[in-house]
Amino acid sequence: MGEPKHPCRTPAQGRNGVTNIPLWKFVAVRTAILNAVAASGEEGLAFQDLREAVRVRLSEDTLTNLGSLGWHVTTVKLELEVAGDIKRMARTTPQRLVVA
């Protein structure tokens, strides 16, 4: 049967829009992203800084077992945007994220 998975809606050209990742990975990365974005306040968190902000919020064991941190951060970030948990700040370059 395998471990439980969580569907992440990842809208991208040429894809069906859903990527299933292990639930424990989703929860760990989701929690770290939400905490990092919330800690950034009204200024928002630059997307380019998100991976490192997540890295410092995860244990070494989690990082070792996670696999590609960058891929998981991007995939879960897209799901959080689709779900309405975080959003991109309007008219900002580079992309900045805030809690929705």
C-alpha atoms as a PDB file:
ATOM      1  CA  MET A   1       0.000   0.000   0.000  1.00  0.00           C
ATOM      2  CA  GLY A   2       2.883   2.399   0.705  1.00  0.00           C
ATOM      3  CA  GLU A   3       3.090   5.534   2.744  1.00  0.00           C
ATOM      4  CA  PRO A   4       0.318   8.143   2.588  1.00  0.00           C
ATOM      5  CA  LYS A   5       0.763  10.814  -0.070  1.00  0.00           C
ATOM      6  CA  HIS A   6      -0.529  14.353  -0.390  1.00  0.00           C
ATOM      7  CA  PRO A   7      -1.553  15.796  -3.756  1.00  0.00           C
ATOM      8  CA  CYS A   8       0.093  19.131  -4.537  1.00  0.00           C
ATOM      9  CA  ARG A   9      -1.518  21.178  -7.288  1.00  0.00           C
ATOM     10  CA  THR A  10       1.431  22.401  -9.300  1.00  0.00           C
ATOM     11  CA  PRO A  11       0.165  24.272 -12.325  1.00  0.00           C
ATOM     12  CA  ALA A  12       2.830  24.068 -14.996  1.00  0.00           C
ATOM     13  CA  GLN A  13       2.709  23.974 -18.759  1.00  0.00           C
ATOM     14  CA  GLY A  14       2.622  20.416 -20.070  1.00  0.00           C
ATOM     15  CA  ARG A  15       1.737  18.787 -16.728  1.00  0.00           C
ATOM     16  CA  ASN A  16      -1.506  17.387 -15.399  1.00  0.00           C
ATOM     17  CA  GLY A  17      -1.222  19.779 -12.467  1.00  0.00           C
ATOM     18  CA  VAL A  18      -0.924  17.306  -9.578  1.00  0.00           C
ATOM     19  CA  THR A  19       2.175  15.894  -7.913  1.00  0.00           C
ATOM     20  CA  ASN A  20       1.805  13.417  -5.050  1.00  0.00           C
ATOM     21  CA  ILE A  21       4.468  13.611  -2.350  1.00  0.00           C
ATOM     22  CA  PRO A  22       4.772  11.691   0.920  1.00  0.00           C
ATOM     23  CA  LEU A  23       2.538  13.235   3.560  1.00  0.00           C
ATOM     24  CA  TRP A  24       5.323  13.635   6.136  1.00  0.00           C
ATOM     25  CA  LYS A  25       7.406  15.615   3.626  1.00  0.00           C
ATOM     26  CA  PHE A  26       4.438  17.821   2.743  1.00  0.00           C
ATOM     27  CA  VAL A  27       3.657  18.555   6.395  1.00  0.00           C
ATOM     28  CA  ALA A  28       7.298  19.321   7.290  1.00  0.00           C
ATOM     29  CA  VAL A  29       7.881  21.644   4.338  1.00  0.00           C
ATOM     30  CA  ARG A  30       4.420  23.261   4.590  1.00  0.00           C
ATOM     31  CA  THR A  31       4.944  24.078   8.265  1.00  0.00           C
ATOM     32  CA  ALA A  32       8.393  25.523   7.588  1.00  0.00           C
ATOM     33  CA  ILE A  33       7.128  27.646   4.667  1.00  0.00           C
ATOM     34  CA  LEU A  34       4.164  29.017   6.606  1.00  0.00           C
ATOM     35  CA  ASN A  35       6.382  29.863   9.593  1.00  0.00           C
ATOM     36  CA  ALA A  36       8.990  31.541   7.381  1.00  0.00           C
ATOM     37  CA  VAL A  37       6.434  33.591   5.445  1.00  0.00           C
ATOM     38  CA  ALA A  38       4.570  34.570   8.626  1.00  0.00           C
ATOM     39  CA  ALA A  39       7.850  35.662  10.254  1.00  0.00           C
ATOM     40  CA  SER A  40       8.537  37.980   7.312  1.00  0.00           C
ATOM     41  CA  GLY A  41       5.507  40.123   8.212  1.00  0.00           C
ATOM     42  CA  GLU A  42       4.095  42.739   5.869  1.00  0.00           C
ATOM     43  CA  GLU A  43       7.367  43.005   3.927  1.00  0.00           C
ATOM     44  CA  GLY A  44       6.905  39.475   2.689  1.00  0.00           C
ATOM     45  CA  LEU A  45       9.585  36.885   2.033  1.00  0.00           C
ATOM     46  CA  ALA A  46      11.449  36.927  -1.274  1.00  0.00           C
ATOM     47  CA  PHE A  47      10.963  33.656  -3.130  1.00  0.00           C
ATOM     48  CA  GLN A  48      14.719  33.517  -3.705  1.00  0.00           C
ATOM     49  CA  ASP A  49      15.197  33.375   0.088  1.00  0.00           C
ATOM     50  CA  LEU A  50      12.501  30.762   0.734  1.00  0.00           C
ATOM     51  CA  ARG A  51      14.678  27.659   0.360  1.00  0.00           C
ATOM     52  CA  GLU A  52      17.186  28.839   2.965  1.00  0.00           C
ATOM     53  CA  ALA A  53      14.376  30.013   5.276  1.00  0.00           C
ATOM     54  CA  VAL A  54      12.907  26.505   5.102  1.00  0.00           C
ATOM     55  CA  ARG A  55      16.307  24.818   5.520  1.00  0.00           C
ATOM     56  CA  VAL A  56      16.946  26.505   8.878  1.00  0.00           C
ATOM     57  CA  ARG A  57      13.516  25.413  10.136  1.00  0.00           C
ATOM     58  CA  LEU A  58      14.004  21.703   9.414  1.00  0.00           C
ATOM     59  CA  SER A  59      16.035  19.235  11.462  1.00  0.00           C
ATOM     60  CA  GLU A  60      19.129  17.606   9.982  1.00  0.00           C
ATOM     61  CA  ASP A  61      17.317  14.244   9.967  1.00  0.00           C
ATOM     62  CA  THR A  62      14.410  15.720   8.017  1.00  0.00           C
ATOM     63  CA  LEU A  63      16.750  17.393   5.525  1.00  0.00           C
ATOM     64  CA  THR A  64      18.665  14.143   5.031  1.00  0.00           C
ATOM     65  CA  ASN A  65      15.489  12.141   4.376  1.00  0.00           C
ATOM     66  CA  LEU A  66      13.732  14.819   2.343  1.00  0.00           C
ATOM     67  CA  GLY A  67      15.683  14.561  -0.873  1.00  0.00           C
ATOM     68  CA  SER A  68      15.716  17.675  -3.050  1.00  0.00           C
ATOM     69  CA  LEU A  69      14.934  20.603  -0.766  1.00  0.00           C
ATOM     70  CA  GLY A  70      14.509  23.021  -3.669  1.00  0.00           C
ATOM     71  CA  TRP A  71      12.035  20.800  -5.486  1.00  0.00           C
ATOM     72  CA  HIS A  72       9.949  20.193  -2.353  1.00  0.00           C
ATOM     73  CA  VAL A  73       9.927  23.888  -1.425  1.00  0.00           C
ATOM     74  CA  THR A  74       8.759  24.895  -4.901  1.00  0.00           C
ATOM     75  CA  THR A  75       6.126  22.139  -5.097  1.00  0.00           C
ATOM     76  CA  VAL A  76       4.659  22.824  -1.652  1.00  0.00           C
ATOM     77  CA  LYS A  77       4.822  26.612  -2.202  1.00  0.00           C
ATOM     78  CA  LEU A  78       2.708  26.221  -5.349  1.00  0.00           C
ATOM     79  CA  GLU A  79       0.169  24.114  -3.431  1.00  0.00           C
ATOM     80  CA  LEU A  80       0.002  26.756  -0.678  1.00  0.00           C
ATOM     81  CA  GLU A  81      -0.662  29.440  -3.306  1.00  0.00           C
ATOM     82  CA  VAL A  82      -3.383  27.379  -5.003  1.00  0.00           C
ATOM     83  CA  ALA A  83      -4.952  26.610  -1.606  1.00  0.00           C
ATOM     84  CA  GLY A  84      -4.935  30.317  -0.708  1.00  0.00           C
ATOM     85  CA  ASP A  85      -2.667  29.934   2.349  1.00  0.00           C
ATOM     86  CA  ILE A  86       0.013  32.257   0.960  1.00  0.00           C
ATOM     87  CA  LYS A  87       0.008  34.720  -1.905  1.00  0.00           C
ATOM     88  CA  ARG A  88       2.409  36.693  -4.032  1.00  0.00           C
ATOM     89  CA  MET A  89       2.642  40.370  -3.246  1.00  0.00           C
ATOM     90  CA  ALA A  90       1.382  42.485  -6.104  1.00  0.00           C
ATOM     91  CA  ARG A  91       3.804  44.663  -8.057  1.00  0.00           C
ATOM     92  CA  THR A  92       6.992  43.363  -6.436  1.00  0.00           C
ATOM     93  CA  THR A  93      10.137  42.174  -8.127  1.00  0.00           C
ATOM     94  CA  PRO A  94      11.600  39.796  -7.221  1.00  0.00           C
ATOM     95  CA  GLN A  95       8.583  37.703  -6.231  1.00  0.00           C
ATOM     96  CA  ARG A  96       7.653  38.118  -2.549  1.00  0.00           C
ATOM     97  CA  LEU A  97       5.292  35.956  -0.517  1.00  0.00           C
ATOM     98  CA  VAL A  98       2.956  36.855   2.338  1.00  0.00           C
ATOM     99  CA  VAL A  99       0.373  34.958   4.359  1.00  0.00           C
ATOM    100  CA  ALA A 100      -3.004  35.216   2.657  1.00  0.00           C
END
